[in-house]
Amino acid sequence: LYLGQRGRGLAPVRSAHLSGPSGEMMGAMHRMH
């Protein structure tokens, strides 16, 4: 779970189901990590 949230190869749990603007913002967070 920790590694997934940190973007180390596993899909982040919270953003897996998001689309639209929320998904775009989570994508920005994922790229930052």
ModelCIF file with pLDDT and N, C-alpha, C, O atoms, coordinates in Angstrom:
data_MODEL
#
_entry.id   MODEL 
#
_entity.id                         1 
_entity.type                       polymer 
_entity.pdbx_number_of_molecules   1 
#
_entity_poly.entity_id                      1 
_entity_poly.type                           'polypeptide(L)' 
_entity_poly.nstd_linkage                   no 
_entity_poly.nstd_monomer                   no 
_entity_poly.pdbx_seq_one_letter_code       LYLGQRGRGLAPVRSAHLSGPSGEMMGAMHRMH 
_entity_poly.pdbx_seq_one_letter_code_can   LYLGQRGRGLAPVRSAHLSGPSGEMMGAMHRMH 
_entity_poly.pdbx_strand_id                 A 
#
loop_
_entity_poly_seq.entity_id 
_entity_poly_seq.num 
_entity_poly_seq.mon_id 
_entity_poly_seq.hetero 
1 1  LEU n 
1 2  TYR n 
1 3  LEU n 
1 4  GLY n 
1 5  GLN n 
1 6  ARG n 
1 7  GLY n 
1 8  ARG n 
1 9  GLY n 
1 10 LEU n 
1 11 ALA n 
1 12 PRO n 
1 13 VAL n 
1 14 ARG n 
1 15 SER n 
1 16 ALA n 
1 17 HIS n 
1 18 LEU n 
1 19 SER n 
1 20 GLY n 
1 21 PRO n 
1 22 SER n 
1 23 GLY n 
1 24 GLU n 
1 25 MET n 
1 26 MET n 
1 27 GLY n 
1 28 ALA n 
1 29 MET n 
1 30 HIS n 
1 31 ARG n 
1 32 MET n 
1 33 HIS n 
#
_struct_asym.id          A 
_struct_asym.entity_id   1 
#
loop_
_ma_qa_metric.id 
_ma_qa_metric.mode 
_ma_qa_metric.name 
_ma_qa_metric.software_group_id 
_ma_qa_metric.type 
1 global pLDDT . pLDDT 
2 local  pLDDT . pLDDT 
#
_ma_qa_metric_global.metric_id      1 
_ma_qa_metric_global.metric_value   69.67 
_ma_qa_metric_global.model_id       1 
_ma_qa_metric_global.ordinal_id     1 
#
loop_
_ma_qa_metric_local.label_asym_id 
_ma_qa_metric_local.label_comp_id 
_ma_qa_metric_local.label_seq_id 
_ma_qa_metric_local.metric_id 
_ma_qa_metric_local.metric_value 
_ma_qa_metric_local.model_id 
_ma_qa_metric_local.ordinal_id 
A LEU 1  2 50.00 1 1  
A TYR 2  2 52.00 1 2  
A LEU 3  2 53.00 1 3  
A GLY 4  2 55.00 1 4  
A GLN 5  2 51.00 1 5  
A ARG 6  2 49.00 1 6  
A GLY 7  2 48.00 1 7  
A ARG 8  2 46.00 1 8  
A GLY 9  2 46.00 1 9  
A LEU 10 2 42.00 1 10 
A ALA 11 2 46.00 1 11 
A PRO 12 2 47.00 1 12 
A VAL 13 2 46.00 1 13 
A ARG 14 2 53.00 1 14 
A SER 15 2 50.00 1 15 
A ALA 16 2 53.00 1 16 
A HIS 17 2 65.00 1 17 
A LEU 18 2 73.00 1 18 
A SER 19 2 82.00 1 19 
A GLY 20 2 91.00 1 20 
A PRO 21 2 93.00 1 21 
A SER 22 2 91.00 1 22 
A GLY 23 2 91.00 1 23 
A GLU 24 2 92.00 1 24 
A MET 25 2 93.00 1 25 
A MET 26 2 93.00 1 26 
A GLY 27 2 92.00 1 27 
A ALA 28 2 92.00 1 28 
A MET 29 2 92.00 1 29 
A HIS 30 2 93.00 1 30 
A ARG 31 2 93.00 1 31 
A MET 32 2 93.00 1 32 
A HIS 33 2 93.00 1 33 
#
loop_
_atom_site.group_PDB 
_atom_site.id 
_atom_site.type_symbol 
_atom_site.label_atom_id 
_atom_site.label_alt_id 
_atom_site.label_comp_id 
_atom_site.label_asym_id 
_atom_site.label_entity_id 
_atom_site.label_seq_id 
_atom_site.pdbx_PDB_ins_code 
_atom_site.Cartn_x 
_atom_site.Cartn_y 
_atom_site.Cartn_z 
_atom_site.occupancy 
_atom_site.B_iso_or_equiv 
_atom_site.pdbx_formal_charge 
_atom_site.auth_seq_id 
_atom_site.auth_comp_id 
_atom_site.auth_asym_id 
_atom_site.auth_atom_id 
_atom_site.pdbx_PDB_model_num 
ATOM 1   N N  . LEU A 1 1  ? 0.832   -1.197 0.000   1.00 50.00 ? 1  LEU A N  1 
ATOM 2   C CA . LEU A 1 1  ? 0.000   0.000  0.000   1.00 50.00 ? 1  LEU A CA 1 
ATOM 3   C C  . LEU A 1 1  ? 0.869   1.250  0.000   1.00 50.00 ? 1  LEU A C  1 
ATOM 4   O O  . LEU A 1 1  ? 0.616   2.179  -0.767  1.00 50.00 ? 1  LEU A O  1 
ATOM 5   N N  . TYR A 1 2  ? 1.895   1.282  0.857   1.00 52.00 ? 2  TYR A N  1 
ATOM 6   C CA . TYR A 1 2  ? 2.799   2.428  0.922   1.00 52.00 ? 2  TYR A CA 1 
ATOM 7   C C  . TYR A 1 2  ? 3.489   2.643  -0.419  1.00 52.00 ? 2  TYR A C  1 
ATOM 8   O O  . TYR A 1 2  ? 3.515   3.762  -0.931  1.00 52.00 ? 2  TYR A O  1 
ATOM 9   N N  . LEU A 1 3  ? 4.040   1.594  -0.982  1.00 53.00 ? 3  LEU A N  1 
ATOM 10  C CA . LEU A 1 3  ? 4.748   1.724  -2.261  1.00 53.00 ? 3  LEU A CA 1 
ATOM 11  C C  . LEU A 1 3  ? 3.798   2.158  -3.366  1.00 53.00 ? 3  LEU A C  1 
ATOM 12  O O  . LEU A 1 3  ? 4.188   2.935  -4.237  1.00 53.00 ? 3  LEU A O  1 
ATOM 13  N N  . GLY A 1 4  ? 2.576   1.680  -3.350  1.00 55.00 ? 4  GLY A N  1 
ATOM 14  C CA . GLY A 1 4  ? 1.590   2.112  -4.344  1.00 55.00 ? 4  GLY A CA 1 
ATOM 15  C C  . GLY A 1 4  ? 1.301   3.586  -4.219  1.00 55.00 ? 4  GLY A C  1 
ATOM 16  O O  . GLY A 1 4  ? 1.186   4.276  -5.232  1.00 55.00 ? 4  GLY A O  1 
ATOM 17  N N  . GLN A 1 5  ? 1.181   4.088  -3.014  1.00 51.00 ? 5  GLN A N  1 
ATOM 18  C CA . GLN A 1 5  ? 0.920   5.504  -2.800  1.00 51.00 ? 5  GLN A CA 1 
ATOM 19  C C  . GLN A 1 5  ? 2.119   6.345  -3.196  1.00 51.00 ? 5  GLN A C  1 
ATOM 20  O O  . GLN A 1 5  ? 1.949   7.499  -3.589  1.00 51.00 ? 5  GLN A O  1 
ATOM 21  N N  . ARG A 1 6  ? 3.320   5.806  -3.105  1.00 49.00 ? 6  ARG A N  1 
ATOM 22  C CA . ARG A 1 6  ? 4.531   6.542  -3.439  1.00 49.00 ? 6  ARG A CA 1 
ATOM 23  C C  . ARG A 1 6  ? 4.871   6.443  -4.924  1.00 49.00 ? 6  ARG A C  1 
ATOM 24  O O  . ARG A 1 6  ? 5.874   7.013  -5.355  1.00 49.00 ? 6  ARG A O  1 
ATOM 25  N N  . GLY A 1 7  ? 4.076   5.746  -5.710  1.00 48.00 ? 7  GLY A N  1 
ATOM 26  C CA . GLY A 1 7  ? 4.310   5.699  -7.151  1.00 48.00 ? 7  GLY A CA 1 
ATOM 27  C C  . GLY A 1 7  ? 5.436   4.782  -7.570  1.00 48.00 ? 7  GLY A C  1 
ATOM 28  O O  . GLY A 1 7  ? 6.076   5.041  -8.589  1.00 48.00 ? 7  GLY A O  1 
ATOM 29  N N  . ARG A 1 8  ? 5.701   3.733  -6.836  1.00 46.00 ? 8  ARG A N  1 
ATOM 30  C CA . ARG A 1 8  ? 6.813   2.842  -7.174  1.00 46.00 ? 8  ARG A CA 1 
ATOM 31  C C  . ARG A 1 8  ? 6.311   1.589  -7.876  1.00 46.00 ? 8  ARG A C  1 
ATOM 32  O O  . ARG A 1 8  ? 6.593   0.471  -7.447  1.00 46.00 ? 8  ARG A O  1 
ATOM 33  N N  . GLY A 1 9  ? 5.571   1.784  -8.948  1.00 46.00 ? 9  GLY A N  1 
ATOM 34  C CA . GLY A 1 9  ? 5.181   0.641  -9.753  1.00 46.00 ? 9  GLY A CA 1 
ATOM 35  C C  . GLY A 1 9  ? 3.787   0.115  -9.482  1.00 46.00 ? 9  GLY A C  1 
ATOM 36  O O  . GLY A 1 9  ? 3.243   -0.603 -10.321 1.00 46.00 ? 9  GLY A O  1 
ATOM 37  N N  . LEU A 1 10 ? 3.192   0.434  -8.368  1.00 42.00 ? 10 LEU A N  1 
ATOM 38  C CA . LEU A 1 10 ? 1.840   -0.017 -8.080  1.00 42.00 ? 10 LEU A CA 1 
ATOM 39  C C  . LEU A 1 10 ? 0.901   1.168  -8.228  1.00 42.00 ? 10 LEU A C  1 
ATOM 40  O O  . LEU A 1 10 ? 1.265   2.291  -7.880  1.00 42.00 ? 10 LEU A O  1 
ATOM 41  N N  . ALA A 1 11 ? -0.282  0.939  -8.732  1.00 46.00 ? 11 ALA A N  1 
ATOM 42  C CA . ALA A 1 11 ? -1.241  2.027  -8.938  1.00 46.00 ? 11 ALA A CA 1 
ATOM 43  C C  . ALA A 1 11 ? -1.651  2.626  -7.605  1.00 46.00 ? 11 ALA A C  1 
ATOM 44  O O  . ALA A 1 11 ? -2.000  1.889  -6.683  1.00 46.00 ? 11 ALA A O  1 
ATOM 45  N N  . PRO A 1 12 ? -1.615  3.959  -7.483  1.00 47.00 ? 12 PRO A N  1 
ATOM 46  C CA . PRO A 1 12 ? -2.076  4.570  -6.235  1.00 47.00 ? 12 PRO A CA 1 
ATOM 47  C C  . PRO A 1 12 ? -3.529  4.205  -5.968  1.00 47.00 ? 12 PRO A C  1 
ATOM 48  O O  . PRO A 1 12 ? -4.380  4.327  -6.849  1.00 47.00 ? 12 PRO A O  1 
ATOM 49  N N  . VAL A 1 13 ? -3.802  3.765  -4.773  1.00 46.00 ? 13 VAL A N  1 
ATOM 50  C CA . VAL A 1 13 ? -5.119  3.255  -4.416  1.00 46.00 ? 13 VAL A CA 1 
ATOM 51  C C  . VAL A 1 13 ? -6.191  4.332  -4.565  1.00 46.00 ? 13 VAL A C  1 
ATOM 52  O O  . VAL A 1 13 ? -7.253  4.061  -5.125  1.00 46.00 ? 13 VAL A O  1 
ATOM 53  N N  . ARG A 1 14 ? -5.939  5.542  -4.079  1.00 53.00 ? 14 ARG A N  1 
ATOM 54  C CA . ARG A 1 14 ? -6.964  6.576  -4.075  1.00 53.00 ? 14 ARG A CA 1 
ATOM 55  C C  . ARG A 1 14 ? -7.291  7.105  -5.464  1.00 53.00 ? 14 ARG A C  1 
ATOM 56  O O  . ARG A 1 14 ? -8.420  7.535  -5.701  1.00 53.00 ? 14 ARG A O  1 
ATOM 57  N N  . SER A 1 15 ? -6.336  7.084  -6.387  1.00 50.00 ? 15 SER A N  1 
ATOM 58  C CA . SER A 1 15 ? -6.582  7.715  -7.679  1.00 50.00 ? 15 SER A CA 1 
ATOM 59  C C  . SER A 1 15 ? -6.968  6.726  -8.772  1.00 50.00 ? 15 SER A C  1 
ATOM 60  O O  . SER A 1 15 ? -7.236  7.134  -9.902  1.00 50.00 ? 15 SER A O  1 
ATOM 61  N N  . ALA A 1 16 ? -7.001  5.446  -8.459  1.00 53.00 ? 16 ALA A N  1 
ATOM 62  C CA . ALA A 1 16 ? -7.258  4.433  -9.477  1.00 53.00 ? 16 ALA A CA 1 
ATOM 63  C C  . ALA A 1 16 ? -8.609  4.630  -10.156 1.00 53.00 ? 16 ALA A C  1 
ATOM 64  O O  . ALA A 1 16 ? -8.756  4.307  -11.335 1.00 53.00 ? 16 ALA A O  1 
ATOM 65  N N  . HIS A 1 17 ? -9.589  5.149  -9.441  1.00 65.00 ? 17 HIS A N  1 
ATOM 66  C CA . HIS A 1 17 ? -10.936 5.263  -9.983  1.00 65.00 ? 17 HIS A CA 1 
ATOM 67  C C  . HIS A 1 17 ? -11.287 6.686  -10.423 1.00 65.00 ? 17 HIS A C  1 
ATOM 68  O O  . HIS A 1 17 ? -12.400 6.918  -10.896 1.00 65.00 ? 17 HIS A O  1 
ATOM 69  N N  . LEU A 1 18 ? -10.372 7.636  -10.281 1.00 73.00 ? 18 LEU A N  1 
ATOM 70  C CA . LEU A 1 18 ? -10.695 9.025  -10.588 1.00 73.00 ? 18 LEU A CA 1 
ATOM 71  C C  . LEU A 1 18 ? -10.492 9.338  -12.062 1.00 73.00 ? 18 LEU A C  1 
ATOM 72  O O  . LEU A 1 18 ? -9.570  8.836  -12.705 1.00 73.00 ? 18 LEU A O  1 
ATOM 73  N N  . SER A 1 19 ? -11.377 10.179 -12.575 1.00 82.00 ? 19 SER A N  1 
ATOM 74  C CA . SER A 1 19 ? -11.211 10.667 -13.935 1.00 82.00 ? 19 SER A CA 1 
ATOM 75  C C  . SER A 1 19 ? -11.536 12.160 -13.911 1.00 82.00 ? 19 SER A C  1 
ATOM 76  O O  . SER A 1 19 ? -11.852 12.715 -12.858 1.00 82.00 ? 19 SER A O  1 
ATOM 77  N N  . GLY A 1 20 ? -11.459 12.791 -15.046 1.00 91.00 ? 20 GLY A N  1 
ATOM 78  C CA . GLY A 1 20 ? -11.770 14.208 -15.116 1.00 91.00 ? 20 GLY A CA 1 
ATOM 79  C C  . GLY A 1 20 ? -10.761 15.045 -14.340 1.00 91.00 ? 20 GLY A C  1 
ATOM 80  O O  . GLY A 1 20 ? -9.618  14.624 -14.161 1.00 91.00 ? 20 GLY A O  1 
ATOM 81  N N  . PRO A 1 21 ? -11.169 16.227 -13.876 1.00 93.00 ? 21 PRO A N  1 
ATOM 82  C CA . PRO A 1 21 ? -10.246 17.141 -13.192 1.00 93.00 ? 21 PRO A CA 1 
ATOM 83  C C  . PRO A 1 21 ? -9.581  16.538 -11.954 1.00 93.00 ? 21 PRO A C  1 
ATOM 84  O O  . PRO A 1 21 ? -8.395  16.766 -11.717 1.00 93.00 ? 21 PRO A O  1 
ATOM 85  N N  . SER A 1 22 ? -10.330 15.777 -11.170 1.00 91.00 ? 22 SER A N  1 
ATOM 86  C CA . SER A 1 22 ? -9.728  15.162 -9.977  1.00 91.00 ? 22 SER A CA 1 
ATOM 87  C C  . SER A 1 22 ? -8.640  14.176 -10.375 1.00 91.00 ? 22 SER A C  1 
ATOM 88  O O  . SER A 1 22 ? -7.581  14.127 -9.749  1.00 91.00 ? 22 SER A O  1 
ATOM 89  N N  . GLY A 1 23 ? -8.897  13.400 -11.404 1.00 91.00 ? 23 GLY A N  1 
ATOM 90  C CA . GLY A 1 23 ? -7.892  12.472 -11.904 1.00 91.00 ? 23 GLY A CA 1 
ATOM 91  C C  . GLY A 1 23 ? -6.677  13.198 -12.457 1.00 91.00 ? 23 GLY A C  1 
ATOM 92  O O  . GLY A 1 23 ? -5.547  12.739 -12.289 1.00 91.00 ? 23 GLY A O  1 
ATOM 93  N N  . GLU A 1 24 ? -6.907  14.345 -13.123 1.00 92.00 ? 24 GLU A N  1 
ATOM 94  C CA . GLU A 1 24 ? -5.790  15.143 -13.640 1.00 92.00 ? 24 GLU A CA 1 
ATOM 95  C C  . GLU A 1 24 ? -4.927  15.659 -12.499 1.00 92.00 ? 24 GLU A C  1 
ATOM 96  O O  . GLU A 1 24 ? -3.700  15.642 -12.591 1.00 92.00 ? 24 GLU A O  1 
ATOM 97  N N  . MET A 1 25 ? -5.564  16.119 -11.417 1.00 93.00 ? 25 MET A N  1 
ATOM 98  C CA . MET A 1 25 ? -4.791  16.620 -10.278 1.00 93.00 ? 25 MET A CA 1 
ATOM 99  C C  . MET A 1 25 ? -4.029  15.487 -9.600  1.00 93.00 ? 25 MET A C  1 
ATOM 100 O O  . MET A 1 25 ? -2.878  15.668 -9.204  1.00 93.00 ? 25 MET A O  1 
ATOM 101 N N  . MET A 1 26 ? -4.655  14.327 -9.462  1.00 93.00 ? 26 MET A N  1 
ATOM 102 C CA . MET A 1 26 ? -3.945  13.185 -8.876  1.00 93.00 ? 26 MET A CA 1 
ATOM 103 C C  . MET A 1 26 ? -2.798  12.748 -9.785  1.00 93.00 ? 26 MET A C  1 
ATOM 104 O O  . MET A 1 26 ? -1.761  12.293 -9.301  1.00 93.00 ? 26 MET A O  1 
ATOM 105 N N  . GLY A 1 27 ? -2.980  12.884 -11.092 1.00 92.00 ? 27 GLY A N  1 
ATOM 106 C CA . GLY A 1 27 ? -1.887  12.583 -12.020 1.00 92.00 ? 27 GLY A CA 1 
ATOM 107 C C  . GLY A 1 27 ? -0.701  13.508 -11.791 1.00 92.00 ? 27 GLY A C  1 
ATOM 108 O O  . GLY A 1 27 ? 0.449   13.072 -11.844 1.00 92.00 ? 27 GLY A O  1 
ATOM 109 N N  . ALA A 1 28 ? -0.979  14.789 -11.536 1.00 92.00 ? 28 ALA A N  1 
ATOM 110 C CA . ALA A 1 28 ? 0.095   15.751 -11.252 1.00 92.00 ? 28 ALA A CA 1 
ATOM 111 C C  . ALA A 1 28 ? 0.829   15.348 -9.974  1.00 92.00 ? 28 ALA A C  1 
ATOM 112 O O  . ALA A 1 28 ? 2.055   15.428 -9.902  1.00 92.00 ? 28 ALA A O  1 
ATOM 113 N N  . MET A 1 29 ? 0.073   14.916 -8.971  1.00 92.00 ? 29 MET A N  1 
ATOM 114 C CA . MET A 1 29 ? 0.697   14.465 -7.720  1.00 92.00 ? 29 MET A CA 1 
ATOM 115 C C  . MET A 1 29 ? 1.545   13.217 -7.963  1.00 92.00 ? 29 MET A C  1 
ATOM 116 O O  . MET A 1 29 ? 2.645   13.092 -7.425  1.00 92.00 ? 29 MET A O  1 
ATOM 117 N N  . HIS A 1 30 ? 1.034   12.310 -8.764  1.00 93.00 ? 30 HIS A N  1 
ATOM 118 C CA . HIS A 1 30 ? 1.758   11.075 -9.065  1.00 93.00 ? 30 HIS A CA 1 
ATOM 119 C C  . HIS A 1 30 ? 3.073   11.398 -9.779  1.00 93.00 ? 30 HIS A C  1 
ATOM 120 O O  . HIS A 1 30 ? 4.118   10.842 -9.442  1.00 93.00 ? 30 HIS A O  1 
ATOM 121 N N  . ARG A 1 31 ? 3.021   12.298 -10.765 1.00 93.00 ? 31 ARG A N  1 
ATOM 122 C CA . ARG A 1 31 ? 4.248   12.687 -11.485 1.00 93.00 ? 31 ARG A CA 1 
ATOM 123 C C  . ARG A 1 31 ? 5.252   13.336 -10.536 1.00 93.00 ? 31 ARG A C  1 
ATOM 124 O O  . ARG A 1 31 ? 6.457   13.119 -10.659 1.00 93.00 ? 31 ARG A O  1 
ATOM 125 N N  . MET A 1 32 ? 4.753   14.136 -9.585  1.00 93.00 ? 32 MET A N  1 
ATOM 126 C CA . MET A 1 32 ? 5.645   14.768 -8.615  1.00 93.00 ? 32 MET A CA 1 
ATOM 127 C C  . MET A 1 32 ? 6.358   13.701 -7.785  1.00 93.00 ? 32 MET A C  1 
ATOM 128 O O  . MET A 1 32 ? 7.568   13.780 -7.570  1.00 93.00 ? 32 MET A O  1 
ATOM 129 N N  . HIS A 1 33 ? 5.603   12.704 -7.319  1.00 93.00 ? 33 HIS A N  1 
ATOM 130 C CA . HIS A 1 33 ? 6.216   11.647 -6.516  1.00 93.00 ? 33 HIS A CA 1 
ATOM 131 C C  . HIS A 1 33 ? 7.226   10.855 -7.336  1.00 93.00 ? 33 HIS A C  1 
ATOM 132 O O  . HIS A 1 33 ? 7.843   9.922  -6.823  1.00 93.00 ? 33 HIS A O  1 
#
